[in-house]
Amino acid sequence: KLQDVFSTVGVQNPIDLPQIAVVGSQSSGKSSVLENIVGRDFLPRG
């Protein structure tokens, strides 16, 4: 909800909110990990 509040008004979030940032190289399989967690194909491929 806090993330949505700042995104909706279009201002930069001044509060450092807890979140999980996913990093890795292009060939590391990031998209597949996220889709497996969701259980659905929904991310762009190419």
All heavy atoms as atom14 arrays in JSON, in Angstrom:
{
  "sequence": "KLQDVFSTVGVQNPIDLPQIAVVGSQSSGKSSVLENIVGRDFLPRG",
  "atom14_mask": [
    [1, 1, 1, 1, 1, 1, 1, 1, 1, 0, 0, 0, 0, 0],
    [1, 1, 1, 1, 1, 1, 1, 1, 0, 0, 0, 0, 0, 0],
    [1, 1, 1, 1, 1, 1, 1, 1, 1, 0, 0, 0, 0, 0],
    [1, 1, 1, 1, 1, 1, 1, 1, 0, 0, 0, 0, 0, 0],
    [1, 1, 1, 1, 1, 1, 1, 0, 0, 0, 0, 0, 0, 0],
    [1, 1, 1, 1, 1, 1, 1, 1, 1, 1, 1, 0, 0, 0],
    [1, 1, 1, 1, 1, 1, 0, 0, 0, 0, 0, 0, 0, 0],
    [1, 1, 1, 1, 1, 1, 1, 0, 0, 0, 0, 0, 0, 0],
    [1, 1, 1, 1, 1, 1, 1, 0, 0, 0, 0, 0, 0, 0],
    [1, 1, 1, 1, 0, 0, 0, 0, 0, 0, 0, 0, 0, 0],
    [1, 1, 1, 1, 1, 1, 1, 0, 0, 0, 0, 0, 0, 0],
    [1, 1, 1, 1, 1, 1, 1, 1, 1, 0, 0, 0, 0, 0],
    [1, 1, 1, 1, 1, 1, 1, 1, 0, 0, 0, 0, 0, 0],
    [1, 1, 1, 1, 1, 1, 1, 0, 0, 0, 0, 0, 0, 0],
    [1, 1, 1, 1, 1, 1, 1, 1, 0, 0, 0, 0, 0, 0],
    [1, 1, 1, 1, 1, 1, 1, 1, 0, 0, 0, 0, 0, 0],
    [1, 1, 1, 1, 1, 1, 1, 1, 0, 0, 0, 0, 0, 0],
    [1, 1, 1, 1, 1, 1, 1, 0, 0, 0, 0, 0, 0, 0],
    [1, 1, 1, 1, 1, 1, 1, 1, 1, 0, 0, 0, 0, 0],
    [1, 1, 1, 1, 1, 1, 1, 1, 0, 0, 0, 0, 0, 0],
    [1, 1, 1, 1, 1, 0, 0, 0, 0, 0, 0, 0, 0, 0],
    [1, 1, 1, 1, 1, 1, 1, 0, 0, 0, 0, 0, 0, 0],
    [1, 1, 1, 1, 1, 1, 1, 0, 0, 0, 0, 0, 0, 0],
    [1, 1, 1, 1, 0, 0, 0, 0, 0, 0, 0, 0, 0, 0],
    [1, 1, 1, 1, 1, 1, 0, 0, 0, 0, 0, 0, 0, 0],
    [1, 1, 1, 1, 1, 1, 1, 1, 1, 0, 0, 0, 0, 0],
    [1, 1, 1, 1, 1, 1, 0, 0, 0, 0, 0, 0, 0, 0],
    [1, 1, 1, 1, 1, 1, 0, 0, 0, 0, 0, 0, 0, 0],
    [1, 1, 1, 1, 0, 0, 0, 0, 0, 0, 0, 0, 0, 0],
    [1, 1, 1, 1, 1, 1, 1, 1, 1, 0, 0, 0, 0, 0],
    [1, 1, 1, 1, 1, 1, 0, 0, 0, 0, 0, 0, 0, 0],
    [1, 1, 1, 1, 1, 1, 0, 0, 0, 0, 0, 0, 0, 0],
    [1, 1, 1, 1, 1, 1, 1, 0, 0, 0, 0, 0, 0, 0],
    [1, 1, 1, 1, 1, 1, 1, 1, 0, 0, 0, 0, 0, 0],
    [1, 1, 1, 1, 1, 1, 1, 1, 1, 0, 0, 0, 0, 0],
    [1, 1, 1, 1, 1, 1, 1, 1, 0, 0, 0, 0, 0, 0],
    [1, 1, 1, 1, 1, 1, 1, 1, 0, 0, 0, 0, 0, 0],
    [1, 1, 1, 1, 1, 1, 1, 0, 0, 0, 0, 0, 0, 0],
    [1, 1, 1, 1, 0, 0, 0, 0, 0, 0, 0, 0, 0, 0],
    [1, 1, 1, 1, 1, 1, 1, 1, 1, 1, 1, 0, 0, 0],
    [1, 1, 1, 1, 1, 1, 1, 1, 0, 0, 0, 0, 0, 0],
    [1, 1, 1, 1, 1, 1, 1, 1, 1, 1, 1, 0, 0, 0],
    [1, 1, 1, 1, 1, 1, 1, 1, 0, 0, 0, 0, 0, 0],
    [1, 1, 1, 1, 1, 1, 1, 0, 0, 0, 0, 0, 0, 0],
    [1, 1, 1, 1, 1, 1, 1, 1, 1, 1, 1, 0, 0, 0],
    [1, 1, 1, 1, 0, 0, 0, 0, 0, 0, 0, 0, 0, 0]
  ],
  "atom14_positions": [
    [[0.83, -1.21, 0.0], [0.0, 0.0, 0.0], [0.86, 1.26, 0.0], [0.56, 2.24, -0.69], [-0.92, 0.0, 1.22], [-2.04, -1.04, 1.17], [-2.87, -0.98, 2.45], [-3.96, -2.04, 2.45], [-4.74, -2.03, 3.72], [0.0, 0.0, 0.0], [0.0, 0.0, 0.0], [0.0, 0.0, 0.0], [0.0, 0.0, 0.0], [0.0, 0.0, 0.0]],
    [[1.96, 1.2, 0.77], [2.85, 2.36, 0.8], [3.49, 2.59, -0.56], [3.63, 3.74, -1.02], [3.93, 2.16, 1.87], [3.46, 2.13, 3.32], [4.65, 1.87, 4.26], [2.76, 3.42, 3.71], [0.0, 0.0, 0.0], [0.0, 0.0, 0.0], [0.0, 0.0, 0.0], [0.0, 0.0, 0.0], [0.0, 0.0, 0.0], [0.0, 0.0, 0.0]],
    [[3.9, 1.5, -1.22], [4.48, 1.65, -2.56], [3.46, 2.24, -3.53], [3.78, 3.12, -4.34], [4.96, 0.28, -3.07], [6.23, -0.21, -2.4], [6.64, -1.58, -2.91], [5.79, -2.4, -3.25], [7.94, -1.85, -2.92], [0.0, 0.0, 0.0], [0.0, 0.0, 0.0], [0.0, 0.0, 0.0], [0.0, 0.0, 0.0], [0.0, 0.0, 0.0]],
    [[2.22, 1.76, -3.42], [1.18, 2.26, -4.33], [0.89, 3.74, -4.09], [0.64, 4.5, -5.03], [-0.12, 1.46, -4.13], [0.03, 0.02, -4.62], [1.04, -0.27, -5.28], [-0.86, -0.8, -4.31], [0.0, 0.0, 0.0], [0.0, 0.0, 0.0], [0.0, 0.0, 0.0], [0.0, 0.0, 0.0], [0.0, 0.0, 0.0], [0.0, 0.0, 0.0]],
    [[0.94, 4.15, -2.82], [0.65, 5.55, -2.48], [1.59, 6.48, -3.24], [1.16, 7.45, -3.87], [0.76, 5.78, -0.96], [0.91, 7.27, -0.66], [-0.47, 5.24, -0.26], [0.0, 0.0, 0.0], [0.0, 0.0, 0.0], [0.0, 0.0, 0.0], [0.0, 0.0, 0.0], [0.0, 0.0, 0.0], [0.0, 0.0, 0.0], [0.0, 0.0, 0.0]],
    [[2.89, 6.18, -3.2], [3.86, 7.08, -3.84], [3.85, 6.93, -5.35], [4.1, 7.89, -6.07], [5.26, 6.8, -3.27], [5.39, 7.12, -1.82], [5.5, 6.12, -0.87], [5.36, 8.42, -1.38], [5.61, 6.4, 0.48], [5.46, 8.72, -0.03], [5.58, 7.71, 0.89], [0.0, 0.0, 0.0], [0.0, 0.0, 0.0], [0.0, 0.0, 0.0]],
    [[3.55, 5.72, -5.85], [3.51, 5.52, -7.31], [2.31, 6.23, -7.91], [2.37, 6.78, -9.0], [3.46, 4.03, -7.64], [4.6, 3.37, -7.15], [0.0, 0.0, 0.0], [0.0, 0.0, 0.0], [0.0, 0.0, 0.0], [0.0, 0.0, 0.0], [0.0, 0.0, 0.0], [0.0, 0.0, 0.0], [0.0, 0.0, 0.0], [0.0, 0.0, 0.0]],
    [[1.18, 6.25, -7.17], [-0.04, 6.83, -7.74], [0.08, 8.33, -7.93], [-0.41, 8.88, -8.9], [-1.25, 6.57, -6.82], [-1.02, 5.46, -6.02], [-2.47, 6.3, -7.62], [0.0, 0.0, 0.0], [0.0, 0.0, 0.0], [0.0, 0.0, 0.0], [0.0, 0.0, 0.0], [0.0, 0.0, 0.0], [0.0, 0.0, 0.0], [0.0, 0.0, 0.0]],
    [[0.72, 9.01, -6.99], [0.81, 10.47, -7.1], [1.97, 10.9, -7.99], [2.15, 12.07, -8.24], [0.97, 11.12, -5.7], [-0.26, 10.88, -4.88], [2.19, 10.6, -4.99], [0.0, 0.0, 0.0], [0.0, 0.0, 0.0], [0.0, 0.0, 0.0], [0.0, 0.0, 0.0], [0.0, 0.0, 0.0], [0.0, 0.0, 0.0], [0.0, 0.0, 0.0]],
    [[2.75, 9.94, -8.45], [3.82, 10.26, -9.39], [5.0, 10.98, -8.79], [5.66, 11.76, -9.46], [0.0, 0.0, 0.0], [0.0, 0.0, 0.0], [0.0, 0.0, 0.0], [0.0, 0.0, 0.0], [0.0, 0.0, 0.0], [0.0, 0.0, 0.0], [0.0, 0.0, 0.0], [0.0, 0.0, 0.0], [0.0, 0.0, 0.0], [0.0, 0.0, 0.0]],
    [[5.28, 10.76, -7.5], [6.45, 11.39, -6.88], [7.44, 10.31, -6.48], [7.07, 9.15, -6.29], [6.06, 12.22, -5.63], [5.19, 13.38, -6.03], [5.34, 11.35, -4.6], [0.0, 0.0, 0.0], [0.0, 0.0, 0.0], [0.0, 0.0, 0.0], [0.0, 0.0, 0.0], [0.0, 0.0, 0.0], [0.0, 0.0, 0.0], [0.0, 0.0, 0.0]],
    [[8.7, 10.71, -6.37], [9.73, 9.75, -5.96], [9.53, 9.38, -4.5], [9.33, 10.25, -3.65], [11.12, 10.36, -6.17], [12.25, 9.38, -5.86], [13.61, 10.0, -6.13], [13.69, 11.14, -6.55], [14.65, 9.25, -5.91], [0.0, 0.0, 0.0], [0.0, 0.0, 0.0], [0.0, 0.0, 0.0], [0.0, 0.0, 0.0], [0.0, 0.0, 0.0]],
    [[9.6, 8.09, -4.23], [9.37, 7.62, -2.87], [10.48, 8.11, -1.95], [11.64, 7.74, -2.13], [9.32, 6.08, -2.88], [8.87, 5.52, -1.55], [8.79, 6.24, -0.56], [8.59, 4.24, -1.52], [0.0, 0.0, 0.0], [0.0, 0.0, 0.0], [0.0, 0.0, 0.0], [0.0, 0.0, 0.0], [0.0, 0.0, 0.0], [0.0, 0.0, 0.0]],
    [[10.16, 8.94, -0.96], [11.2, 9.43, -0.06], [11.54, 8.45, 1.05], [12.46, 8.67, 1.81], [10.58, 10.71, 0.51], [9.11, 10.42, 0.53], [8.83, 9.53, -0.64], [0.0, 0.0, 0.0], [0.0, 0.0, 0.0], [0.0, 0.0, 0.0], [0.0, 0.0, 0.0], [0.0, 0.0, 0.0], [0.0, 0.0, 0.0], [0.0, 0.0, 0.0]],
    [[10.76, 7.37, 1.16], [10.95, 6.41, 2.24], [11.57, 5.14, 1.67], [11.11, 4.61, 0.65], [9.6, 6.07, 2.91], [8.85, 7.36, 3.29], [9.82, 5.2, 4.13], [9.6, 8.25, 4.26], [0.0, 0.0, 0.0], [0.0, 0.0, 0.0], [0.0, 0.0, 0.0], [0.0, 0.0, 0.0], [0.0, 0.0, 0.0], [0.0, 0.0, 0.0]],
    [[12.6, 4.66, 2.32], [13.27, 3.42, 1.91], [12.44, 2.24, 2.42], [12.57, 1.82, 3.56], [14.69, 3.4, 2.5], [15.44, 2.12, 2.12], [14.98, 1.41, 1.21], [16.47, 1.84, 2.77], [0.0, 0.0, 0.0], [0.0, 0.0, 0.0], [0.0, 0.0, 0.0], [0.0, 0.0, 0.0], [0.0, 0.0, 0.0], [0.0, 0.0, 0.0]],
    [[11.58, 1.71, 1.54], [10.67, 0.63, 1.93], [11.34, -0.73, 1.75], [12.13, -0.92, 0.81], [9.39, 0.67, 1.09], [8.5, 1.9, 1.28], [7.35, 1.88, 0.29], [7.98, 1.98, 2.71], [0.0, 0.0, 0.0], [0.0, 0.0, 0.0], [0.0, 0.0, 0.0], [0.0, 0.0, 0.0], [0.0, 0.0, 0.0], [0.0, 0.0, 0.0]],
    [[11.02, -1.69, 2.62], [11.57, -3.04, 2.46], [11.04, -3.68, 1.18], [9.83, -3.64, 0.92], [11.06, -3.79, 3.7], [10.65, -2.73, 4.66], [10.21, -1.57, 3.84], [0.0, 0.0, 0.0], [0.0, 0.0, 0.0], [0.0, 0.0, 0.0], [0.0, 0.0, 0.0], [0.0, 0.0, 0.0], [0.0, 0.0, 0.0], [0.0, 0.0, 0.0]],
    [[11.93, -4.26, 0.39], [11.52, -4.95, -0.83], [12.62, -5.9, -1.26], [13.76, -5.79, -0.8], [11.22, -3.95, -1.96], [12.38, -3.02, -2.29], [11.99, -1.91, -3.25], [10.82, -1.72, -3.57], [12.97, -1.18, -3.74], [0.0, 0.0, 0.0], [0.0, 0.0, 0.0], [0.0, 0.0, 0.0], [0.0, 0.0, 0.0], [0.0, 0.0, 0.0]],
    [[12.26, -6.85, -2.09], [13.23, -7.83, -2.59], [13.56, -7.46, -4.02], [12.68, -7.46, -4.89], [12.68, -9.26, -2.51], [12.36, -9.63, -1.05], [13.67, -10.25, -3.09], [11.7, -10.98, -0.88], [0.0, 0.0, 0.0], [0.0, 0.0, 0.0], [0.0, 0.0, 0.0], [0.0, 0.0, 0.0], [0.0, 0.0, 0.0], [0.0, 0.0, 0.0]],
    [[14.82, -7.13, -4.28], [15.26, -6.75, -5.61], [15.96, -7.94, -6.26], [16.88, -8.52, -5.68], [16.21, -5.55, -5.54], [0.0, 0.0, 0.0], [0.0, 0.0, 0.0], [0.0, 0.0, 0.0], [0.0, 0.0, 0.0], [0.0, 0.0, 0.0], [0.0, 0.0, 0.0], [0.0, 0.0, 0.0], [0.0, 0.0, 0.0], [0.0, 0.0, 0.0]],
    [[15.51, -8.3, -7.47], [16.03, -9.47, -8.17], [17.1, -9.01, -9.16], [16.82, -8.21, -10.06], [14.9, -10.21, -8.91], [15.43, -11.51, -9.52], [13.75, -10.5, -7.96], [0.0, 0.0, 0.0], [0.0, 0.0, 0.0], [0.0, 0.0, 0.0], [0.0, 0.0, 0.0], [0.0, 0.0, 0.0], [0.0, 0.0, 0.0], [0.0, 0.0, 0.0]],
    [[18.33, -9.52, -9.01], [19.44, -9.14, -9.9], [20.08, -10.4, -10.46], [20.06, -11.46, -9.83], [20.49, -8.29, -9.17], [19.9, -6.99, -8.7], [21.1, -9.04, -8.0], [0.0, 0.0, 0.0], [0.0, 0.0, 0.0], [0.0, 0.0, 0.0], [0.0, 0.0, 0.0], [0.0, 0.0, 0.0], [0.0, 0.0, 0.0], [0.0, 0.0, 0.0]],
    [[20.65, -10.24, -11.62], [21.34, -11.36, -12.28], [21.62, -11.01, -13.72], [21.09, -10.02, -14.26], [0.0, 0.0, 0.0], [0.0, 0.0, 0.0], [0.0, 0.0, 0.0], [0.0, 0.0, 0.0], [0.0, 0.0, 0.0], [0.0, 0.0, 0.0], [0.0, 0.0, 0.0], [0.0, 0.0, 0.0], [0.0, 0.0, 0.0], [0.0, 0.0, 0.0]],
    [[22.44, -11.79, -14.37], [22.76, -11.54, -15.78], [21.58, -11.95, -16.65], [20.63, -12.6, -16.19], [24.02, -12.32, -16.18], [23.8, -13.71, -16.03], [0.0, 0.0, 0.0], [0.0, 0.0, 0.0], [0.0, 0.0, 0.0], [0.0, 0.0, 0.0], [0.0, 0.0, 0.0], [0.0, 0.0, 0.0], [0.0, 0.0, 0.0], [0.0, 0.0, 0.0]],
    [[21.65, -11.57, -17.92], [20.54, -11.86, -18.83], [20.28, -13.36, -18.97], [19.15, -13.78, -19.16], [20.85, -11.26, -20.21], [20.76, -9.75, -20.25], [21.0, -9.19, -21.64], [20.88, -9.92, -22.63], [21.35, -7.92, -21.73], [0.0, 0.0, 0.0], [0.0, 0.0, 0.0], [0.0, 0.0, 0.0], [0.0, 0.0, 0.0], [0.0, 0.0, 0.0]],
    [[21.31, -14.16, -18.85], [21.17, -15.61, -19.07], [21.06, -16.4, -17.78], [21.19, -17.62, -17.79], [22.38, -16.12, -19.87], [23.58, -15.83, -19.16], [0.0, 0.0, 0.0], [0.0, 0.0, 0.0], [0.0, 0.0, 0.0], [0.0, 0.0, 0.0], [0.0, 0.0, 0.0], [0.0, 0.0, 0.0], [0.0, 0.0, 0.0], [0.0, 0.0, 0.0]],
    [[20.83, -15.72, -16.66], [20.83, -16.42, -15.37], [19.52, -17.13, -15.06], [19.46, -17.99, -14.19], [21.16, -15.43, -14.24], [20.16, -14.43, -14.17], [0.0, 0.0, 0.0], [0.0, 0.0, 0.0], [0.0, 0.0, 0.0], [0.0, 0.0, 0.0], [0.0, 0.0, 0.0], [0.0, 0.0, 0.0], [0.0, 0.0, 0.0], [0.0, 0.0, 0.0]],
    [[18.43, -16.78, -15.75], [17.14, -17.42, -15.5], [16.25, -16.65, -14.54], [15.4, -17.25, -13.88], [0.0, 0.0, 0.0], [0.0, 0.0, 0.0], [0.0, 0.0, 0.0], [0.0, 0.0, 0.0], [0.0, 0.0, 0.0], [0.0, 0.0, 0.0], [0.0, 0.0, 0.0], [0.0, 0.0, 0.0], [0.0, 0.0, 0.0], [0.0, 0.0, 0.0]],
    [[16.41, -15.33, -14.45], [15.59, -14.52, -13.55], [14.11, -14.66, -13.86], [13.28, -14.86, -12.97], [15.98, -13.03, -13.64], [17.29, -12.67, -13.01], [17.48, -11.18, -12.89], [17.33, -10.42, -14.17], [15.99, -9.87, -14.41], [0.0, 0.0, 0.0], [0.0, 0.0, 0.0], [0.0, 0.0, 0.0], [0.0, 0.0, 0.0], [0.0, 0.0, 0.0]],
    [[13.77, -14.49, -15.14], [12.35, -14.53, -15.52], [11.71, -15.87, -15.19], [10.57, -15.93, -14.71], [12.22, -14.24, -17.02], [12.69, -12.94, -17.32], [0.0, 0.0, 0.0], [0.0, 0.0, 0.0], [0.0, 0.0, 0.0], [0.0, 0.0, 0.0], [0.0, 0.0, 0.0], [0.0, 0.0, 0.0], [0.0, 0.0, 0.0], [0.0, 0.0, 0.0]],
    [[12.45, -16.95, -15.42], [11.89, -18.28, -15.13], [11.65, -18.47, -13.64], [10.65, -19.07, -13.23], [12.84, -19.36, -15.65], [12.95, -19.31, -17.06], [0.0, 0.0, 0.0], [0.0, 0.0, 0.0], [0.0, 0.0, 0.0], [0.0, 0.0, 0.0], [0.0, 0.0, 0.0], [0.0, 0.0, 0.0], [0.0, 0.0, 0.0], [0.0, 0.0, 0.0]],
    [[12.55, -17.93, -12.81], [12.37, -18.03, -11.36], [11.09, -17.31, -10.94], [10.28, -17.84, -10.16], [13.6, -17.46, -10.62], [13.32, -17.33, -9.12], [14.82, -18.33, -10.84], [0.0, 0.0, 0.0], [0.0, 0.0, 0.0], [0.0, 0.0, 0.0], [0.0, 0.0, 0.0], [0.0, 0.0, 0.0], [0.0, 0.0, 0.0], [0.0, 0.0, 0.0]],
    [[10.89, -16.1, -11.46], [9.71, -15.32, -11.08], [8.43, -16.0, -11.57], [7.42, -16.05, -10.85], [9.81, -13.9, -11.66], [10.93, -13.02, -11.08], [10.98, -11.68, -11.79], [10.76, -12.82, -9.59], [0.0, 0.0, 0.0], [0.0, 0.0, 0.0], [0.0, 0.0, 0.0], [0.0, 0.0, 0.0], [0.0, 0.0, 0.0], [0.0, 0.0, 0.0]],
    [[8.46, -16.53, -12.8], [7.26, -17.19, -13.32], [6.96, -18.46, -12.54], [5.78, -18.8, -12.31], [7.43, -17.49, -14.8], [7.38, -16.24, -15.67], [7.47, -16.53, -17.15], [8.06, -17.57, -17.52], [6.96, -15.72, -17.95], [0.0, 0.0, 0.0], [0.0, 0.0, 0.0], [0.0, 0.0, 0.0], [0.0, 0.0, 0.0], [0.0, 0.0, 0.0]],
    [[7.99, -19.16, -12.11], [7.76, -20.36, -11.3], [7.12, -19.99, -9.95], [6.27, -20.72, -9.43], [9.08, -21.1, -11.07], [9.48, -21.94, -12.28], [8.81, -21.91, -13.31], [10.57, -22.68, -12.16], [0.0, 0.0, 0.0], [0.0, 0.0, 0.0], [0.0, 0.0, 0.0], [0.0, 0.0, 0.0], [0.0, 0.0, 0.0], [0.0, 0.0, 0.0]],
    [[7.58, -18.85, -9.37], [7.01, -18.42, -8.09], [5.53, -18.07, -8.26], [4.69, -18.42, -7.43], [7.8, -17.22, -7.54], [9.2, -17.67, -7.09], [7.06, -16.57, -6.36], [10.1, -16.53, -6.63], [0.0, 0.0, 0.0], [0.0, 0.0, 0.0], [0.0, 0.0, 0.0], [0.0, 0.0, 0.0], [0.0, 0.0, 0.0], [0.0, 0.0, 0.0]],
    [[5.21, -17.39, -9.39], [3.82, -17.01, -9.64], [3.0, -18.21, -10.11], [1.8, -18.31, -9.83], [3.77, -15.87, -10.69], [2.33, -15.53, -11.06], [4.48, -14.64, -10.16], [0.0, 0.0, 0.0], [0.0, 0.0, 0.0], [0.0, 0.0, 0.0], [0.0, 0.0, 0.0], [0.0, 0.0, 0.0], [0.0, 0.0, 0.0], [0.0, 0.0, 0.0]],
    [[3.67, -19.11, -10.84], [2.96, -20.26, -11.4], [2.29, -19.96, -12.71], [1.43, -20.72, -13.17], [0.0, 0.0, 0.0], [0.0, 0.0, 0.0], [0.0, 0.0, 0.0], [0.0, 0.0, 0.0], [0.0, 0.0, 0.0], [0.0, 0.0, 0.0], [0.0, 0.0, 0.0], [0.0, 0.0, 0.0], [0.0, 0.0, 0.0], [0.0, 0.0, 0.0]],
    [[2.67, -18.88, -13.36], [2.08, -18.47, -14.63], [3.14, -17.88, -15.54], [4.11, -17.28, -15.1], [0.98, -17.43, -14.41], [-0.31, -17.94, -13.83], [-0.99, -18.96, -14.74], [-2.37, -19.17, -14.39], [-3.39, -18.89, -15.19], [-3.17, -18.41, -16.38], [-4.62, -19.13, -14.8], [0.0, 0.0, 0.0], [0.0, 0.0, 0.0], [0.0, 0.0, 0.0]],
    [[2.93, -18.05, -16.87], [3.74, -17.36, -17.87], [3.17, -15.96, -18.05], [2.02, -15.81, -18.48], [3.7, -18.09, -19.22], [4.48, -19.39, -19.19], [5.65, -19.34, -18.81], [3.9, -20.44, -19.53], [0.0, 0.0, 0.0], [0.0, 0.0, 0.0], [0.0, 0.0, 0.0], [0.0, 0.0, 0.0], [0.0, 0.0, 0.0], [0.0, 0.0, 0.0]],
    [[3.95, -14.94, -17.75], [3.42, -13.58, -17.92], [4.5, -12.56, -18.26], [4.19, -11.4, -18.54], [2.7, -13.13, -16.65], [3.62, -12.91, -15.46], [4.07, -11.64, -15.13], [4.06, -13.99, -14.7], [4.92, -11.45, -14.05], [4.9, -13.79, -13.62], [5.34, -12.52, -13.28], [0.0, 0.0, 0.0], [0.0, 0.0, 0.0], [0.0, 0.0, 0.0]],
    [[5.78, -12.98, -18.24], [6.87, -12.03, -18.51], [7.27, -12.07, -19.98], [7.23, -13.12, -20.62], [8.08, -12.36, -17.63], [7.9, -12.12, -16.13], [9.12, -12.6, -15.36], [7.65, -10.64, -15.84], [0.0, 0.0, 0.0], [0.0, 0.0, 0.0], [0.0, 0.0, 0.0], [0.0, 0.0, 0.0], [0.0, 0.0, 0.0], [0.0, 0.0, 0.0]],
    [[7.66, -10.91, -20.52], [8.1, -10.88, -21.93], [9.33, -11.77, -22.13], [10.17, -11.92, -21.23], [8.45, -9.41, -22.16], [7.7, -8.66, -21.11], [7.65, -9.56, -19.93], [0.0, 0.0, 0.0], [0.0, 0.0, 0.0], [0.0, 0.0, 0.0], [0.0, 0.0, 0.0], [0.0, 0.0, 0.0], [0.0, 0.0, 0.0], [0.0, 0.0, 0.0]],
    [[9.41, -12.36, -23.29], [10.54, -13.22, -23.64], [11.17, -12.7, -24.91], [10.55, -11.98, -25.7], [10.07, -14.66, -23.85], [9.44, -15.31, -22.62], [10.49, -15.86, -21.72], [9.91, -16.57, -20.58], [10.64, -17.19, -19.67], [11.95, -17.21, -19.77], [10.04, -17.8, -18.65], [0.0, 0.0, 0.0], [0.0, 0.0, 0.0], [0.0, 0.0, 0.0]],
    [[12.42, -13.07, -25.12], [13.09, -12.68, -26.35], [14.58, -12.57, -26.14], [15.11, -12.86, -25.06], [0.0, 0.0, 0.0], [0.0, 0.0, 0.0], [0.0, 0.0, 0.0], [0.0, 0.0, 0.0], [0.0, 0.0, 0.0], [0.0, 0.0, 0.0], [0.0, 0.0, 0.0], [0.0, 0.0, 0.0], [0.0, 0.0, 0.0], [0.0, 0.0, 0.0]]
  ]
}
